[in-house]
């Protein structure tokens, strides 16, 4: 390591708890720091109301958050709604960023701290794409040694402003939101099949398919095709239907996404007491999430006894219609009760003995 690189890493101190800087290369020596920048705002003139879009660029991925009226959307997902609270939090953090320390830096040192093309660049843009501020986010800062820096949140971050490429700043916020992964920005609300009346699940290989049904919300479930000696496990039937009212999104993908397993899906048909029918296709697993698509049909039956519920169902319709234009990634844990095969819905002999 050159003397200059060593000096750069040794000087970045800080005031994040007053400890010595522990960095990936275990540098622990110190020399007097440049305290002139302590507390300096990195974006002096940036205002939340002026930001029309945020571009987050990583080495292999780009994400653009765009403000549409009173909401934020993801341009790379065809205007899919972003989590408004999450975007707002990120903007406010950026506006309030202050330098804990600054130090001169050279080209080799920028590469070492991921403050070159390997870093994450955040561009805040105004109307018409007017540049309002840019920040390159590099490696994490830790007050002490950690076992897995890649997974640890960090106690701060090394950042650089392209307008001043010869100065590195250390900020107290780890900026974990600075990512181009759509999964970290989407509004996670999914479609919800509530008060299911009939539920039918068909597996592509044929075996294990089942159908359960009931006449009312509090009525007993019945399993189609029960044979002598078989009895439905009601708790599992309840779980299978109720799970469809708890769905959320892990991510959304374009409709033309390949290799999803949706060409030979598990097919779920859920008809509700409200008059809606959901036709759901479940493909293969990607990590801990299933590729999923759905369509809905029918008309909501007004409930004179619960007008508020009917209103909420109607308000959800535009979003559910929009969701049908995407391949959805649904967490495995949300679907596993519904995707059990028929034999798993039968009471086992040991269960009967307990009763």
Protein backbone atom coordinates (compact mmCIF):
# COMPACT_ATOMS: atom_id res chain seq x y z
CA UNK A 1 0.00 0.00 0.00
CA UNK A 2 1.37 3.43 -0.95
CA UNK A 3 2.13 5.97 1.75
CA UNK A 4 -0.57 8.25 0.34
CA UNK A 5 -3.25 5.52 0.40
CA UNK A 6 -2.29 4.64 3.96
CA UNK A 7 -2.52 8.28 4.95
CA UNK A 8 -5.96 8.65 3.41
CA UNK A 9 -7.37 5.63 5.20
CA UNK A 10 -5.74 6.53 8.50
CA UNK A 11 -7.05 10.06 8.53
CA UNK A 12 -10.73 9.33 7.98
CA UNK A 13 -11.73 9.47 11.50
CA UNK A 14 -14.50 10.05 13.44
CA UNK A 15 -16.79 11.52 15.29
CA UNK A 16 -19.19 8.62 14.98
CA UNK A 17 -18.85 7.73 18.64
CA UNK A 18 -15.30 8.97 18.78
CA UNK A 19 -13.70 5.59 18.05
CA UNK A 20 -10.74 4.98 15.79
CA UNK A 21 -11.61 4.09 12.21
CA UNK A 22 -11.78 0.37 11.66
CA UNK A 23 -11.80 -0.27 7.96
CA UNK A 24 -11.60 -3.42 5.89
CA UNK A 25 -7.79 -3.33 5.76
CA UNK A 26 -7.53 -2.94 9.58
CA UNK A 27 -5.78 0.43 9.50
CA UNK A 28 -5.74 1.83 13.03
CA UNK A 29 -3.19 4.64 13.14
CA UNK A 30 -4.30 8.28 13.12
CA UNK A 31 -3.05 11.74 12.31
CA UNK A 32 -4.73 15.14 12.78
CA UNK A 33 -7.95 15.37 10.74
CA UNK A 34 -9.37 18.14 8.63
CA UNK A 35 -12.07 19.41 10.98
CA UNK A 36 -13.13 22.29 8.74
CA UNK A 37 -15.77 20.18 7.02
CA UNK A 38 -17.27 18.71 10.21
CA UNK A 39 -21.03 19.20 10.10
CA UNK A 40 -21.01 20.58 6.54
CA UNK A 41 -24.24 19.93 4.60
CA UNK A 42 -23.52 17.97 1.43
CA UNK A 43 -26.61 19.30 -0.38
CA UNK A 44 -26.93 22.91 0.70
CA UNK A 45 -29.65 23.93 -1.76
CA UNK A 46 -31.53 20.66 -2.33
CA UNK A 47 -35.25 20.87 -1.53
CA UNK A 48 -37.68 17.94 -1.49
CA UNK A 49 -40.33 19.91 -3.38
CA UNK A 50 -37.94 20.47 -6.30
CA UNK A 51 -37.11 16.79 -6.85
CA UNK A 52 -39.00 15.29 -9.80
CA UNK A 53 -36.98 12.09 -10.16
CA UNK A 54 -34.17 10.12 -8.54
CA UNK A 55 -31.79 8.03 -10.64
CA UNK A 56 -29.88 5.26 -8.82
CA UNK A 57 -27.12 3.72 -10.95
CA UNK A 58 -25.06 0.69 -9.93
CA UNK A 59 -22.44 -1.14 -11.98
CA UNK A 60 -25.02 -3.47 -13.58
CA UNK A 61 -28.37 -1.93 -12.75
CA UNK A 62 -30.23 1.37 -12.97
CA UNK A 63 -33.44 2.40 -11.25
CA UNK A 64 -35.39 5.63 -11.78
CA UNK A 65 -37.93 6.84 -9.26
CA UNK A 66 -40.31 9.39 -10.78
CA UNK A 67 -42.80 11.62 -9.02
CA UNK A 68 -46.27 11.51 -10.57
CA UNK A 69 -48.70 13.94 -8.97
CA UNK A 70 -48.67 12.96 -5.28
CA UNK A 71 -47.02 9.57 -5.67
CA UNK A 72 -43.70 8.00 -6.67
CA UNK A 73 -43.33 5.35 -9.38
CA UNK A 74 -40.64 3.05 -10.80
CA UNK A 75 -39.88 3.93 -14.43
CA UNK A 76 -38.19 0.57 -15.12
CA UNK A 77 -41.38 -1.22 -14.06
CA UNK A 78 -43.74 0.71 -16.28
CA UNK A 79 -44.76 3.21 -13.63
CA UNK A 80 -45.39 0.65 -10.87
CA UNK A 81 -46.11 2.45 -7.56
CA UNK A 82 -43.18 2.92 -5.20
CA UNK A 83 -43.46 2.91 -1.44
CA UNK A 84 -44.12 6.61 -0.85
CA UNK A 85 -42.94 6.58 2.77
CA UNK A 86 -39.69 4.86 1.84
CA UNK A 87 -38.88 7.35 -0.93
CA UNK A 88 -39.75 10.28 1.31
CA UNK A 89 -37.48 8.95 4.05
CA UNK A 90 -34.61 8.56 1.57
CA UNK A 91 -35.05 12.10 0.22
CA UNK A 92 -35.09 13.61 3.71
CA UNK A 93 -31.96 11.70 4.70
CA UNK A 94 -30.16 12.92 1.59
CA UNK A 95 -31.11 16.53 2.24
CA UNK A 96 -29.88 16.30 5.83
CA UNK A 97 -26.58 14.53 5.07
CA UNK A 98 -23.66 16.10 6.89
CA UNK A 99 -19.94 15.42 6.61
CA UNK A 100 -18.46 13.76 9.67
CA UNK A 101 -15.04 14.21 8.08
CA UNK A 102 -13.46 14.98 4.72
CA UNK A 103 -10.02 14.30 3.23
CA UNK A 104 -8.23 14.79 -0.10
CA UNK A 105 -8.30 11.64 -2.24
CA UNK A 106 -6.67 10.41 -5.44
CA UNK A 107 -7.79 8.15 -8.29
CA UNK A 108 -6.43 4.93 -6.80
CA UNK A 109 -7.97 5.71 -3.44
CA UNK A 110 -11.37 6.35 -5.04
CA UNK A 111 -11.23 2.88 -6.56
CA UNK A 112 -10.25 1.37 -3.20
CA UNK A 113 -13.27 2.96 -1.52
CA UNK A 114 -15.67 2.12 -4.39
CA UNK A 115 -16.06 5.80 -5.19
CA UNK A 116 -15.45 5.28 -8.91
CA UNK A 117 -17.62 3.42 -11.44
CA UNK A 118 -17.97 0.54 -8.97
CA UNK A 119 -19.92 2.72 -6.54
CA UNK A 120 -23.60 3.67 -6.51
CA UNK A 121 -24.41 7.04 -8.07
CA UNK A 122 -27.50 8.93 -6.94
CA UNK A 123 -28.77 11.75 -9.16
CA UNK A 124 -31.51 14.06 -7.91
CA UNK A 125 -33.25 15.69 -10.87
CA UNK A 126 -35.79 18.46 -11.14
CA UNK A 127 -38.43 19.19 -13.76
CA UNK A 128 -37.20 18.49 -17.28
CA UNK A 129 -34.28 16.48 -15.96
CA UNK A 130 -32.52 19.48 -14.44
CA UNK A 131 -29.58 18.28 -12.25
CA UNK A 132 -30.09 19.23 -8.60
CA UNK A 133 -27.42 17.17 -6.90
CA UNK A 134 -25.31 14.04 -7.32
CA UNK A 135 -23.64 11.73 -4.83
CA UNK A 136 -21.46 8.65 -5.31
CA UNK A 137 -21.82 6.17 -2.46
CA UNK A 138 -18.89 3.92 -1.68
CA UNK A 139 -17.90 1.43 0.99
CA UNK A 140 -19.38 1.16 4.45
CA UNK A 141 -17.65 2.51 7.51
CA UNK A 142 -17.44 0.47 10.70
CA UNK A 143 -16.45 1.65 14.17
CA UNK A 144 -15.16 -1.82 14.95
CA UNK A 145 -14.26 -4.99 13.09
CA UNK A 146 -17.21 -7.08 11.88
CA UNK A 147 -17.30 -10.69 10.70
CA UNK A 148 -19.23 -10.07 7.49
CA UNK A 149 -18.95 -6.47 6.21
CA UNK A 150 -21.05 -7.28 3.14
CA UNK A 151 -24.10 -8.13 5.26
CA UNK A 152 -23.53 -5.78 8.18
CA UNK A 153 -25.42 -2.47 8.06
CA UNK A 154 -22.43 -0.30 8.91
CA UNK A 155 -21.98 2.78 11.07
CA UNK A 156 -21.54 5.21 8.19
CA UNK A 157 -20.55 5.50 4.54
CA UNK A 158 -17.79 6.94 2.37
CA UNK A 159 -19.28 9.29 -0.22
CA UNK A 160 -18.05 11.64 -2.93
CA UNK A 161 -19.60 14.46 -4.94
CA UNK A 162 -18.56 14.38 -8.63
CA UNK A 163 -18.26 18.17 -8.62
CA UNK A 164 -15.38 17.73 -6.16
CA UNK A 165 -13.76 14.39 -7.12
CA UNK A 166 -10.66 15.05 -5.02
CA UNK A 167 -12.50 15.05 -1.68
CA UNK A 168 -13.96 12.04 0.14
CA UNK A 169 -16.54 12.51 2.89
CA UNK A 170 -17.57 10.25 5.70
CA UNK A 171 -21.24 10.45 6.72
CA UNK A 172 -22.90 8.97 9.79
CA UNK A 173 -25.80 7.36 7.90
CA UNK A 174 -25.05 3.91 6.33
CA UNK A 175 -27.46 4.77 3.47
CA UNK A 176 -28.77 1.23 3.19
CA UNK A 177 -31.63 2.50 0.97
CA UNK A 178 -29.15 3.44 -1.76
CA UNK A 179 -29.84 0.48 -4.05
CA UNK A 180 -31.17 -0.03 -7.57
CA UNK A 181 -33.07 -3.20 -6.58
CA UNK A 182 -36.76 -2.71 -7.38
CA UNK A 183 -37.65 -5.07 -4.54
CA UNK A 184 -36.46 -2.43 -2.07
CA UNK A 185 -38.69 0.32 -3.46
CA UNK A 186 -42.03 -1.14 -4.56
CA UNK A 187 -45.34 -0.70 -2.78
CA UNK A 188 -45.74 -4.26 -1.48
CA UNK A 189 -49.54 -4.42 -1.35
CA UNK A 190 -50.75 -7.38 -3.43
CA UNK A 191 -54.18 -8.64 -4.47
CA UNK A 192 -56.17 -10.22 -1.66
CA UNK A 193 -58.82 -12.90 -2.01
CA UNK A 194 -60.92 -12.46 1.12
CA UNK A 195 -63.84 -14.49 2.42
CA UNK A 196 -63.21 -17.37 0.02
CA UNK A 197 -66.25 -19.50 -0.77
CA UNK A 198 -64.66 -22.12 -3.02
CA UNK A 199 -60.98 -22.90 -3.45
CA UNK A 200 -59.65 -25.22 -6.10
CA UNK A 201 -55.97 -26.00 -6.64
CA UNK A 202 -54.72 -28.01 -9.63
CA UNK A 203 -51.15 -29.25 -9.88
CA UNK A 204 -49.59 -29.66 -13.35
CA UNK A 205 -48.57 -33.25 -12.70
CA UNK A 206 -52.18 -34.09 -11.84
CA UNK A 207 -51.82 -35.69 -8.42
CA UNK A 208 -52.66 -33.83 -5.23
CA UNK A 209 -55.25 -31.46 -6.67
CA UNK A 210 -58.13 -30.53 -4.34
CA UNK A 211 -61.30 -28.46 -4.00
CA UNK A 212 -62.84 -27.13 -0.78
CA UNK A 213 -66.05 -25.13 -0.44
CA UNK A 214 -68.46 -23.61 2.06
CA UNK A 215 -71.80 -21.81 1.93
CA UNK A 216 -71.07 -18.91 4.29
CA UNK A 217 -68.24 -17.17 6.07
CA UNK A 218 -68.66 -19.18 9.27
CA UNK A 219 -69.88 -22.40 7.66
CA UNK A 220 -67.92 -25.66 7.73
CA UNK A 221 -65.58 -26.45 4.86
CA UNK A 222 -66.22 -29.50 2.71
CA UNK A 223 -63.56 -31.35 0.72
CA UNK A 224 -64.69 -32.63 -2.66
CA UNK A 225 -64.43 -36.37 -3.27
CA UNK A 226 -64.16 -37.54 0.34
CA UNK A 227 -63.95 -41.32 0.56
CA UNK A 228 -65.20 -43.54 3.39
CA UNK A 229 -62.90 -43.13 6.37
CA UNK A 230 -61.53 -39.77 5.21
CA UNK A 231 -62.16 -36.55 7.12
CA UNK A 232 -61.14 -33.00 6.30
CA UNK A 233 -58.68 -31.25 8.61
CA UNK A 234 -60.66 -28.02 9.01
CA UNK A 235 -57.73 -26.02 10.41
CA UNK A 236 -55.72 -26.66 7.26
CA UNK A 237 -58.65 -25.73 5.05
CA UNK A 238 -59.00 -22.47 6.97
CA UNK A 239 -55.29 -21.74 6.58
CA UNK A 240 -55.35 -22.51 2.85
CA UNK A 241 -58.14 -20.04 2.17
CA UNK A 242 -57.18 -17.37 4.70
CA UNK A 243 -53.59 -17.17 3.37
CA UNK A 244 -54.92 -15.70 0.12
CA UNK A 245 -56.09 -12.64 2.05
CA UNK A 246 -52.59 -12.00 3.42
CA UNK A 247 -50.53 -11.88 0.22
CA UNK A 248 -47.83 -9.28 -0.28
CA UNK A 249 -45.17 -8.66 -2.90
CA UNK A 250 -41.46 -9.43 -2.80
CA UNK A 251 -40.98 -7.81 -6.23
CA UNK A 252 -42.64 -7.22 -9.61
CA UNK A 253 -41.28 -8.14 -13.03
CA UNK A 254 -42.23 -7.35 -16.64
CA UNK A 255 -44.90 -9.57 -18.17
CA UNK A 256 -42.41 -10.94 -20.73
CA UNK A 257 -40.01 -12.26 -18.06
CA UNK A 258 -38.59 -15.62 -19.15
CA UNK A 259 -38.01 -18.92 -17.35
CA UNK A 260 -40.73 -18.43 -14.74
CA UNK A 261 -42.39 -21.83 -14.88
CA UNK A 262 -45.70 -20.11 -15.64
CA UNK A 263 -46.07 -22.13 -18.85
CA UNK A 264 -46.87 -25.17 -16.64
CA UNK A 265 -48.22 -23.54 -13.48
CA UNK A 266 -50.07 -24.62 -10.40
CA UNK A 267 -53.55 -23.17 -10.94
CA UNK A 268 -55.56 -21.69 -8.09
CA UNK A 269 -59.20 -20.65 -8.48
CA UNK A 270 -60.66 -18.79 -5.53
CA UNK A 271 -64.26 -17.57 -5.65
CA UNK A 272 -65.25 -15.22 -2.83
CA UNK A 273 -68.49 -14.52 -1.02
CA UNK A 274 -68.15 -10.93 -2.27
CA UNK A 275 -68.74 -12.05 -5.87
CA UNK A 276 -65.14 -11.97 -7.14
CA UNK A 277 -63.18 -14.85 -8.65
CA UNK A 278 -59.38 -14.94 -8.68
CA UNK A 279 -57.57 -17.15 -11.19
CA UNK A 280 -54.00 -17.44 -9.95
CA UNK A 281 -51.05 -19.12 -11.69
CA UNK A 282 -48.02 -20.08 -9.62
CA UNK A 283 -44.74 -20.88 -11.37
CA UNK A 284 -41.41 -22.00 -10.00
CA UNK A 285 -39.48 -20.72 -7.04
CA UNK A 286 -36.85 -18.03 -7.40
CA UNK A 287 -35.04 -18.07 -4.09
CA UNK A 288 -37.80 -17.78 -1.49
CA UNK A 289 -40.44 -16.37 -3.86
CA UNK A 290 -42.86 -17.83 -6.38
CA UNK A 291 -43.37 -16.37 -9.85
CA UNK A 292 -47.09 -15.58 -9.92
CA UNK A 293 -49.70 -14.01 -12.19
CA UNK A 294 -53.43 -13.60 -11.71
CA UNK A 295 -56.65 -12.30 -13.20
CA UNK A 296 -59.88 -11.43 -11.44
CA UNK A 297 -63.45 -11.37 -12.66
CA UNK A 298 -66.96 -10.85 -11.37
CA UNK A 299 -68.68 -7.92 -9.71
CA UNK A 300 -68.64 -6.95 -6.06
CA UNK A 301 -71.85 -7.79 -4.25
CA UNK A 302 -72.83 -4.76 -2.14
CA UNK A 303 -73.08 -5.67 1.52
CA UNK A 304 -75.81 -3.61 3.20
CA UNK A 305 -74.59 -4.80 6.60
CA UNK A 306 -71.01 -3.71 5.93
CA UNK A 307 -71.01 -0.76 3.55
CA UNK A 308 -67.49 0.22 4.63
CA UNK A 309 -66.09 -3.14 3.57
CA UNK A 310 -67.79 -2.91 0.17
CA UNK A 311 -66.26 0.53 -0.30
CA UNK A 312 -62.76 -0.77 0.51
CA UNK A 313 -63.16 -3.59 -2.00
CA UNK A 314 -64.14 -1.11 -4.71
CA UNK A 315 -61.17 1.12 -3.88
CA UNK A 316 -58.81 -1.85 -4.31
CA UNK A 317 -60.05 -2.68 -7.79
CA UNK A 318 -57.84 -0.23 -9.78
CA UNK A 319 -54.67 -1.53 -8.10
CA UNK A 320 -55.65 -5.16 -8.63
CA UNK A 321 -56.32 -4.42 -12.28
CA UNK A 322 -52.87 -2.83 -12.57
CA UNK A 323 -51.18 -5.82 -10.87
CA UNK A 324 -52.49 -8.11 -13.61
CA UNK A 325 -50.00 -6.49 -16.01
CA UNK A 326 -46.99 -7.89 -14.14
CA UNK A 327 -45.31 -11.10 -13.10
CA UNK A 328 -45.40 -10.94 -9.32
CA UNK A 329 -42.94 -12.46 -6.89
CA UNK A 330 -44.92 -13.73 -3.89
CA UNK A 331 -43.08 -14.96 -0.77
CA UNK A 332 -43.14 -18.72 -0.43
CA UNK A 333 -44.40 -18.46 3.13
CA UNK A 334 -47.57 -16.69 1.98
CA UNK A 335 -48.56 -19.50 -0.39
CA UNK A 336 -47.35 -22.67 1.26
CA UNK A 337 -50.63 -23.35 3.12
CA UNK A 338 -52.61 -23.03 -0.12
CA UNK A 339 -50.18 -25.15 -2.12
CA UNK A 340 -50.43 -28.22 0.09
CA UNK A 341 -51.61 -31.32 -1.74
CA UNK A 342 -54.88 -33.10 -1.09
CA UNK A 343 -53.56 -35.81 1.29
CA UNK A 344 -52.30 -33.05 3.62
CA UNK A 345 -55.87 -31.82 4.12
CA UNK A 346 -56.99 -35.12 5.59
CA UNK A 347 -57.01 -35.81 9.30
CA UNK A 348 -54.37 -38.35 10.17
CA UNK A 349 -55.17 -41.37 12.32
CA UNK A 350 -53.09 -40.05 15.21
CA UNK A 351 -55.10 -36.78 15.07
CA UNK A 352 -58.34 -38.73 15.41
CA UNK A 353 -57.00 -40.65 18.41
CA UNK A 354 -56.13 -37.41 20.20
CA UNK A 355 -59.71 -36.23 19.78
